[in-house]
Amino acid sequence: MEYKDTLNLPLTDFPMKANLNQREPEMLAKWEADGLYRQLEEAGSSKPAYILHDGPPYANGHIHIGHALNKILKDLILKS
């Protein structure tokens, strides 16, 4: 018996493998065709600029996306 057979997992239509190296170019092409970035810019054009004021030093070395995400989420929660 396999371990996965002992788990009570939901059945979904989602593939188990992401295949991001194939799917990502497809998604980017669709977003480009739909003009998604332009739509986002237009939707936020009437809102005031959002500036994240923060900078070095970082205890864990150079800034990376984890630092940015943490700072942005903290700012959003505090400002809302």
PDB file of N, CA and C in Angstrom:
ATOM      1  N   MET A   1       0.850  -1.181   0.000  1.00  0.00           N
ATOM      2  CA  MET A   1       0.000   0.000   0.000  1.00  0.00           C
ATOM      3  C   MET A   1       0.894   1.242   0.000  1.00  0.00           C
ATOM      4  N   GLU A   2       0.495   2.229  -0.766  1.00  0.00           N
ATOM      5  CA  GLU A   2       1.252   3.476  -0.825  1.00  0.00           C
ATOM      6  C   GLU A   2       0.727   4.456   0.220  1.00  0.00           C
ATOM      7  N   TYR A   3       1.618   5.316   0.679  1.00  0.00           N
ATOM      8  CA  TYR A   3       1.266   6.293   1.705  1.00  0.00           C
ATOM      9  C   TYR A   3       0.128   7.197   1.236  1.00  0.00           C
ATOM     10  N   LYS A   4       0.153   7.607  -0.042  1.00  0.00           N
ATOM     11  CA  LYS A   4      -0.888   8.510  -0.545  1.00  0.00           C
ATOM     12  C   LYS A   4      -2.274   7.880  -0.475  1.00  0.00           C
ATOM     13  N   ASP A   5      -2.338   6.558  -0.499  1.00  0.00           N
ATOM     14  CA  ASP A   5      -3.631   5.879  -0.407  1.00  0.00           C
ATOM     15  C   ASP A   5      -4.203   5.910   1.007  1.00  0.00           C
ATOM     16  N   THR A   6      -3.388   6.237   1.993  1.00  0.00           N
ATOM     17  CA  THR A   6      -3.854   6.284   3.376  1.00  0.00           C
ATOM     18  C   THR A   6      -4.350   7.673   3.770  1.00  0.00           C
ATOM     19  N   LEU A   7      -4.202   8.658   2.879  1.00  0.00           N
ATOM     20  CA  LEU A   7      -4.604  10.023   3.186  1.00  0.00           C
ATOM     21  C   LEU A   7      -5.989  10.314   2.648  1.00  0.00           C
ATOM     22  N   ASN A   8      -6.723  11.135   3.345  1.00  0.00           N
ATOM     23  CA  ASN A   8      -8.044  11.540   2.906  1.00  0.00           C
ATOM     24  C   ASN A   8      -7.913  12.882   2.185  1.00  0.00           C
ATOM     25  N   LEU A   9      -7.544  12.844   0.904  1.00  0.00           N
ATOM     26  CA  LEU A   9      -7.326  14.050   0.121  1.00  0.00           C
ATOM     27  C   LEU A   9      -8.511  14.307  -0.794  1.00  0.00           C
ATOM     28  N   PRO A  10      -8.833  15.571  -1.040  1.00  0.00           N
ATOM     29  CA  PRO A  10      -9.941  15.865  -1.952  1.00  0.00           C
ATOM     30  C   PRO A  10      -9.567  15.517  -3.391  1.00  0.00           C
ATOM     31  N   LEU A  11     -10.554  15.145  -4.162  1.00  0.00           N
ATOM     32  CA  LEU A  11     -10.340  14.892  -5.582  1.00  0.00           C
ATOM     33  C   LEU A  11     -10.578  16.187  -6.344  1.00  0.00           C
ATOM     34  N   THR A  12      -9.610  16.572  -7.153  1.00  0.00           N
ATOM     35  CA  THR A  12      -9.725  17.804  -7.928  1.00  0.00           C
ATOM     36  C   THR A  12      -9.347  17.545  -9.374  1.00  0.00           C
ATOM     37  N   ASP A  13      -9.659  18.511 -10.228  1.00  0.00           N
ATOM     38  CA  ASP A  13      -9.270  18.434 -11.632  1.00  0.00           C
ATOM     39  C   ASP A  13      -7.891  19.038 -11.869  1.00  0.00           C
ATOM     40  N   PHE A  14      -7.279  19.569 -10.804  1.00  0.00           N
ATOM     41  CA  PHE A  14      -5.982  20.188 -10.947  1.00  0.00           C
ATOM     42  C   PHE A  14      -4.917  19.131 -11.199  1.00  0.00           C
ATOM     43  N   PRO A  15      -3.985  19.423 -12.086  1.00  0.00           N
ATOM     44  CA  PRO A  15      -2.903  18.462 -12.294  1.00  0.00           C
ATOM     45  C   PRO A  15      -1.979  18.430 -11.081  1.00  0.00           C
ATOM     46  N   MET A  16      -1.381  17.298 -10.819  1.00  0.00           N
ATOM     47  CA  MET A  16      -0.479  17.167  -9.679  1.00  0.00           C
ATOM     48  C   MET A  16       0.861  17.833  -9.950  1.00  0.00           C
ATOM     49  N   LYS A  17       1.220  17.949 -11.222  1.00  0.00           N
ATOM     50  CA  LYS A  17       2.499  18.544 -11.580  1.00  0.00           C
ATOM     51  C   LYS A  17       2.230  19.925 -12.178  1.00  0.00           C
ATOM     52  N   ALA A  18       2.977  20.902 -11.741  1.00  0.00           N
ATOM     53  CA  ALA A  18       2.721  22.277 -12.167  1.00  0.00           C
ATOM     54  C   ALA A  18       3.168  22.543 -13.597  1.00  0.00           C
ATOM     55  N   ASN A  19       4.257  21.933 -14.052  1.00  0.00           N
ATOM     56  CA  ASN A  19       4.798  22.185 -15.394  1.00  0.00           C
ATOM     57  C   ASN A  19       4.974  23.669 -15.666  1.00  0.00           C
ATOM     58  N   LEU A  20       5.528  24.391 -14.695  1.00  0.00           N
ATOM     59  CA  LEU A  20       5.647  25.837 -14.832  1.00  0.00           C
ATOM     60  C   LEU A  20       6.517  26.262 -16.008  1.00  0.00           C
ATOM     61  N   ASN A  21       7.525  25.457 -16.329  1.00  0.00           N
ATOM     62  CA  ASN A  21       8.365  25.842 -17.453  1.00  0.00           C
ATOM     63  C   ASN A  21       7.597  25.841 -18.767  1.00  0.00           C
ATOM     64  N   GLN A  22       6.482  25.140 -18.842  1.00  0.00           N
ATOM     65  CA  GLN A  22       5.632  25.164 -20.033  1.00  0.00           C
ATOM     66  C   GLN A  22       4.465  26.127 -19.862  1.00  0.00           C
ATOM     67  N   ARG A  23       3.889  26.169 -18.675  1.00  0.00           N
ATOM     68  CA  ARG A  23       2.674  26.960 -18.466  1.00  0.00           C
ATOM     69  C   ARG A  23       2.936  28.450 -18.303  1.00  0.00           C
ATOM     70  N   GLU A  24       4.076  28.820 -17.704  1.00  0.00           N
ATOM     71  CA  GLU A  24       4.338  30.232 -17.463  1.00  0.00           C
ATOM     72  C   GLU A  24       4.379  31.049 -18.756  1.00  0.00           C
ATOM     73  N   PRO A  25       5.093  30.611 -19.804  1.00  0.00           N
ATOM     74  CA  PRO A  25       5.055  31.389 -21.047  1.00  0.00           C
ATOM     75  C   PRO A  25       3.641  31.539 -21.618  1.00  0.00           C
ATOM     76  N   GLU A  26       2.822  30.507 -21.453  1.00  0.00           N
ATOM     77  CA  GLU A  26       1.431  30.588 -21.927  1.00  0.00           C
ATOM     78  C   GLU A  26       0.653  31.644 -21.145  1.00  0.00           C
ATOM     79  N   MET A  27       0.829  31.645 -19.814  1.00  0.00           N
ATOM     80  CA  MET A  27       0.131  32.632 -18.984  1.00  0.00           C
ATOM     81  C   MET A  27       0.587  34.048 -19.311  1.00  0.00           C
ATOM     82  N   LEU A  28       1.892  34.239 -19.463  1.00  0.00           N
ATOM     83  CA  LEU A  28       2.412  35.570 -19.787  1.00  0.00           C
ATOM     84  C   LEU A  28       1.888  36.052 -21.127  1.00  0.00           C
ATOM     85  N   ALA A  29       1.818  35.159 -22.106  1.00  0.00           N
ATOM     86  CA  ALA A  29       1.287  35.531 -23.423  1.00  0.00           C
ATOM     87  C   ALA A  29      -0.189  35.914 -23.321  1.00  0.00           C
ATOM     88  N   LYS A  30      -0.957  35.178 -22.523  1.00  0.00           N
ATOM     89  CA  LYS A  30      -2.386  35.509 -22.362  1.00  0.00           C
ATOM     90  C   LYS A  30      -2.542  36.859 -21.677  1.00  0.00           C
ATOM     91  N   TRP A  31      -1.747  37.106 -20.629  1.00  0.00           N
ATOM     92  CA  TRP A  31      -1.828  38.383 -19.927  1.00  0.00           C
ATOM     93  C   TRP A  31      -1.454  39.531 -20.855  1.00  0.00           C
ATOM     94  N   GLU A  32      -0.460  39.305 -21.709  1.00  0.00           N
ATOM     95  CA  GLU A  32      -0.041  40.330 -22.666  1.00  0.00           C
ATOM     96  C   GLU A  32      -1.154  40.589 -23.681  1.00  0.00           C
ATOM     97  N   ALA A  33      -1.773  39.514 -24.177  1.00  0.00           N
ATOM     98  CA  ALA A  33      -2.858  39.646 -25.155  1.00  0.00           C
ATOM     99  C   ALA A  33      -4.068  40.348 -24.545  1.00  0.00           C
ATOM    100  N   ASP A  34      -4.358  40.068 -23.288  1.00  0.00           N
ATOM    101  CA  ASP A  34      -5.504  40.689 -22.609  1.00  0.00           C
ATOM    102  C   ASP A  34      -5.216  42.115 -22.146  1.00  0.00           C
ATOM    103  N   GLY A  35      -3.953  42.524 -22.196  1.00  0.00           N
ATOM    104  CA  GLY A  35      -3.600  43.857 -21.717  1.00  0.00           C
ATOM    105  C   GLY A  35      -3.790  43.989 -20.215  1.00  0.00           C
ATOM    106  N   LEU A  36      -3.473  42.941 -19.485  1.00  0.00           N
ATOM    107  CA  LEU A  36      -3.737  42.918 -18.052  1.00  0.00           C
ATOM    108  C   LEU A  36      -2.997  44.025 -17.306  1.00  0.00           C
ATOM    109  N   TYR A  37      -1.726  44.238 -17.628  1.00  0.00           N
ATOM    110  CA  TYR A  37      -0.958  45.271 -16.927  1.00  0.00           C
ATOM    111  C   TYR A  37      -1.555  46.661 -17.177  1.00  0.00           C
ATOM    112  N   ARG A  38      -1.966  46.906 -18.407  1.00  0.00           N
ATOM    113  CA  ARG A  38      -2.594  48.183 -18.744  1.00  0.00           C
ATOM    114  C   ARG A  38      -3.893  48.364 -17.957  1.00  0.00           C
ATOM    115  N   GLN A  39      -4.676  47.309 -17.838  1.00  0.00           N
ATOM    116  CA  GLN A  39      -5.927  47.374 -17.079  1.00  0.00           C
ATOM    117  C   GLN A  39      -5.666  47.681 -15.612  1.00  0.00           C
ATOM    118  N   LEU A  40      -4.623  47.062 -15.054  1.00  0.00           N
ATOM    119  CA  LEU A  40      -4.282  47.317 -13.654  1.00  0.00           C
ATOM    120  C   LEU A  40      -3.836  48.762 -13.459  1.00  0.00           C
ATOM    121  N   GLU A  41      -3.055  49.279 -14.414  1.00  0.00           N
ATOM    122  CA  GLU A  41      -2.624  50.675 -14.324  1.00  0.00           C
ATOM    123  C   GLU A  41      -3.814  51.623 -14.396  1.00  0.00           C
ATOM    124  N   GLU A  42      -4.750  51.345 -15.303  1.00  0.00           N
ATOM    125  CA  GLU A  42      -5.930  52.195 -15.443  1.00  0.00           C
ATOM    126  C   GLU A  42      -6.803  52.137 -14.194  1.00  0.00           C
ATOM    127  N   ALA A  43      -6.948  50.949 -13.618  1.00  0.00           N
ATOM    128  CA  ALA A  43      -7.784  50.795 -12.423  1.00  0.00           C
ATOM    129  C   ALA A  43      -7.197  51.556 -11.235  1.00  0.00           C
ATOM    130  N   GLY A  44      -5.879  51.664 -11.165  1.00  0.00           N
ATOM    131  CA  GLY A  44      -5.264  52.350 -10.045  1.00  0.00           C
ATOM    132  C   GLY A  44      -4.840  53.771 -10.331  1.00  0.00           C
ATOM    133  N   SER A  45      -5.174  54.284 -11.520  1.00  0.00           N
ATOM    134  CA  SER A  45      -4.693  55.617 -11.896  1.00  0.00           C
ATOM    135  C   SER A  45      -5.281  56.732 -11.042  1.00  0.00           C
ATOM    136  N   SER A  46      -6.460  56.523 -10.492  1.00  0.00           N
ATOM    137  CA  SER A  46      -7.084  57.570  -9.686  1.00  0.00           C
ATOM    138  C   SER A  46      -6.676  57.498  -8.211  1.00  0.00           C
ATOM    139  N   LYS A  47      -5.958  56.453  -7.834  1.00  0.00           N
ATOM    140  CA  LYS A  47      -5.554  56.286  -6.444  1.00  0.00           C
ATOM    141  C   LYS A  47      -4.224  56.990  -6.194  1.00  0.00           C
ATOM    142  N   PRO A  48      -3.974  57.422  -4.967  1.00  0.00           N
ATOM    143  CA  PRO A  48      -2.695  58.066  -4.668  1.00  0.00           C
ATOM    144  C   PRO A  48      -1.543  57.065  -4.762  1.00  0.00           C
ATOM    145  N   ALA A  49      -0.353  57.580  -5.006  1.00  0.00           N
ATOM    146  CA  ALA A  49       0.819  56.717  -5.131  1.00  0.00           C
ATOM    147  C   ALA A  49       1.096  56.018  -3.808  1.00  0.00           C
ATOM    148  N   TYR A  50       1.508  54.778  -3.871  1.00  0.00           N
ATOM    149  CA  TYR A  50       1.861  53.995  -2.692  1.00  0.00           C
ATOM    150  C   TYR A  50       3.374  53.853  -2.680  1.00  0.00           C
ATOM    151  N   ILE A  51       4.012  54.399  -1.679  1.00  0.00           N
ATOM    152  CA  ILE A  51       5.464  54.359  -1.586  1.00  0.00           C
ATOM    153  C   ILE A  51       5.837  53.596  -0.327  1.00  0.00           C
ATOM    154  N   LEU A  52       6.684  52.592  -0.503  1.00  0.00           N
ATOM    155  CA  LEU A  52       7.138  51.780   0.612  1.00  0.00           C
ATOM    156  C   LEU A  52       8.493  52.315   1.054  1.00  0.00           C
ATOM    157  N   HIS A  53       8.516  52.988   2.185  1.00  0.00           N
ATOM    158  CA  HIS A  53       9.761  53.553   2.714  1.00  0.00           C
ATOM    159  C   HIS A  53      10.407  52.547   3.647  1.00  0.00           C
ATOM    160  N   ASP A  54      11.474  51.957   3.190  1.00  0.00           N
ATOM    161  CA  ASP A  54      12.210  51.026   4.022  1.00  0.00           C
ATOM    162  C   ASP A  54      13.557  50.797   3.357  1.00  0.00           C
ATOM    163  N   GLY A  55      14.520  50.385   4.100  1.00  0.00           N
ATOM    164  CA  GLY A  55      15.818  50.166   3.492  1.00  0.00           C
ATOM    165  C   GLY A  55      16.746  49.384   4.383  1.00  0.00           C
ATOM    166  N   PRO A  56      17.991  49.229   3.916  1.00  0.00           N
ATOM    167  CA  PRO A  56      18.976  48.449   4.660  1.00  0.00           C
ATOM    168  C   PRO A  56      19.269  49.095   5.998  1.00  0.00           C
ATOM    169  N   PRO A  57      19.872  48.466   6.922  1.00  0.00           N
ATOM    170  CA  PRO A  57      20.442  47.121   6.777  1.00  0.00           C
ATOM    171  C   PRO A  57      19.412  46.033   7.058  1.00  0.00           C
ATOM    172  N   TYR A  58      19.603  44.901   6.427  1.00  0.00           N
ATOM    173  CA  TYR A  58      18.765  43.730   6.666  1.00  0.00           C
ATOM    174  C   TYR A  58      19.600  42.694   7.399  1.00  0.00           C
ATOM    175  N   ALA A  59      19.047  42.103   8.420  1.00  0.00           N
ATOM    176  CA  ALA A  59      19.799  41.147   9.242  1.00  0.00           C
ATOM    177  C   ALA A  59      20.211  39.910   8.450  1.00  0.00           C
ATOM    178  N   ASN A  60      19.433  39.566   7.444  1.00  0.00           N
ATOM    179  CA  ASN A  60      19.699  38.338   6.689  1.00  0.00           C
ATOM    180  C   ASN A  60      20.447  38.596   5.391  1.00  0.00           C
ATOM    181  N   GLY A  61      21.119  39.718   5.248  1.00  0.00           N
ATOM    182  CA  GLY A  61      21.863  39.996   4.019  1.00  0.00           C
ATOM    183  C   GLY A  61      21.087  40.921   3.107  1.00  0.00           C
ATOM    184  N   HIS A  62      21.305  40.769   1.820  1.00  0.00           N
ATOM    185  CA  HIS A  62      20.659  41.628   0.833  1.00  0.00           C
ATOM    186  C   HIS A  62      19.152  41.376   0.789  1.00  0.00           C
ATOM    187  N   ILE A  63      18.406  42.403   0.391  1.00  0.00           N
ATOM    188  CA  ILE A  63      16.955  42.269   0.322  1.00  0.00           C
ATOM    189  C   ILE A  63      16.562  41.236  -0.730  1.00  0.00           C
ATOM    190  N   HIS A  64      15.512  40.508  -0.444  1.00  0.00           N
ATOM    191  CA  HIS A  64      14.962  39.561  -1.406  1.00  0.00           C
ATOM    192  C   HIS A  64      13.443  39.651  -1.331  1.00  0.00           C
ATOM    193  N   ILE A  65      12.756  38.877  -2.153  1.00  0.00           N
ATOM    194  CA  ILE A  65      11.299  38.987  -2.268  1.00  0.00           C
ATOM    195  C   ILE A  65      10.604  38.683  -0.943  1.00  0.00           C
ATOM    196  N   GLY A  66      11.199  37.847  -0.106  1.00  0.00           N
ATOM    197  CA  GLY A  66      10.604  37.565   1.202  1.00  0.00           C
ATOM    198  C   GLY A  66      10.572  38.793   2.087  1.00  0.00           C
ATOM    199  N   HIS A  67      11.662  39.579   2.063  1.00  0.00           N
ATOM    200  CA  HIS A  67      11.672  40.829   2.824  1.00  0.00           C
ATOM    201  C   HIS A  67      10.588  41.766   2.295  1.00  0.00           C
ATOM    202  N   ALA A  68      10.555  41.923   0.979  1.00  0.00           N
ATOM    203  CA  ALA A  68       9.592  42.847   0.369  1.00  0.00           C
ATOM    204  C   ALA A  68       8.156  42.433   0.700  1.00  0.00           C
ATOM    205  N   LEU A  69       7.851  41.159   0.555  1.00  0.00           N
ATOM    206  CA  LEU A  69       6.497  40.685   0.846  1.00  0.00           C
ATOM    207  C   LEU A  69       6.128  40.965   2.302  1.00  0.00           C
ATOM    208  N   ASN A  70       7.035  40.681   3.209  1.00  0.00           N
ATOM    209  CA  ASN A  70       6.785  40.922   4.622  1.00  0.00           C
ATOM    210  C   ASN A  70       6.503  42.398   4.887  1.00  0.00           C
ATOM    211  N   LYS A  71       7.327  43.279   4.344  1.00  0.00           N
ATOM    212  CA  LYS A  71       7.148  44.722   4.562  1.00  0.00           C
ATOM    213  C   LYS A  71       5.842  45.213   3.952  1.00  0.00           C
ATOM    214  N   ILE A  72       5.528  44.749   2.746  1.00  0.00           N
ATOM    215  CA  ILE A  72       4.310  45.192   2.063  1.00  0.00           C
ATOM    216  C   ILE A  72       3.076  44.724   2.829  1.00  0.00           C
ATOM    217  N   LEU A  73       3.072  43.454   3.260  1.00  0.00           N
ATOM    218  CA  LEU A  73       1.919  42.955   4.004  1.00  0.00           C
ATOM    219  C   LEU A  73       1.728  43.706   5.312  1.00  0.00           C
ATOM    220  N   LYS A  74       2.839  43.991   5.996  1.00  0.00           N
ATOM    221  CA  LYS A  74       2.721  44.758   7.240  1.00  0.00           C
ATOM    222  C   LYS A  74       2.155  46.144   6.971  1.00  0.00           C
ATOM    223  N   ASP A  75       2.650  46.813   5.915  1.00  0.00           N
ATOM    224  CA  ASP A  75       2.137  48.134   5.570  1.00  0.00           C
ATOM    225  C   ASP A  75       0.662  48.104   5.219  1.00  0.00           C
ATOM    226  N   LEU A  76       0.242  47.114   4.413  1.00  0.00           N
ATOM    227  CA  LEU A  76      -1.156  47.028   4.008  1.00  0.00           C
ATOM    228  C   LEU A  76      -2.055  46.818   5.213  1.00  0.00           C
ATOM    229  N   ILE A  77      -1.644  45.960   6.122  1.00  0.00           N
ATOM    230  CA  ILE A  77      -2.476  45.674   7.293  1.00  0.00           C
ATOM    231  C   ILE A  77      -2.579  46.919   8.177  1.00  0.00           C
ATOM    232  N   LEU A  78      -1.453  47.594   8.375  1.00  0.00           N
ATOM    233  CA  LEU A  78      -1.460  48.780   9.224  1.00  0.00           C
ATOM    234  C   LEU A  78      -2.257  49.930   8.586  1.00  0.00           C
ATOM    235  N   LYS A  79      -2.166  50.082   7.272  1.00  0.00           N
ATOM    236  CA  LYS A  79      -2.870  51.183   6.613  1.00  0.00           C
ATOM    237  C   LYS A  79      -4.342  50.904   6.393  1.00  0.00           C
ATOM    238  N   SER A  80      -4.729  49.648   6.447  1.00  0.00           N
ATOM    239  CA  SER A  80      -6.161  49.358   6.254  1.00  0.00           C
ATOM    240  C   SER A  80      -6.786  49.199   7.618  1.00  0.00           C
TER     241      SER A  80
END
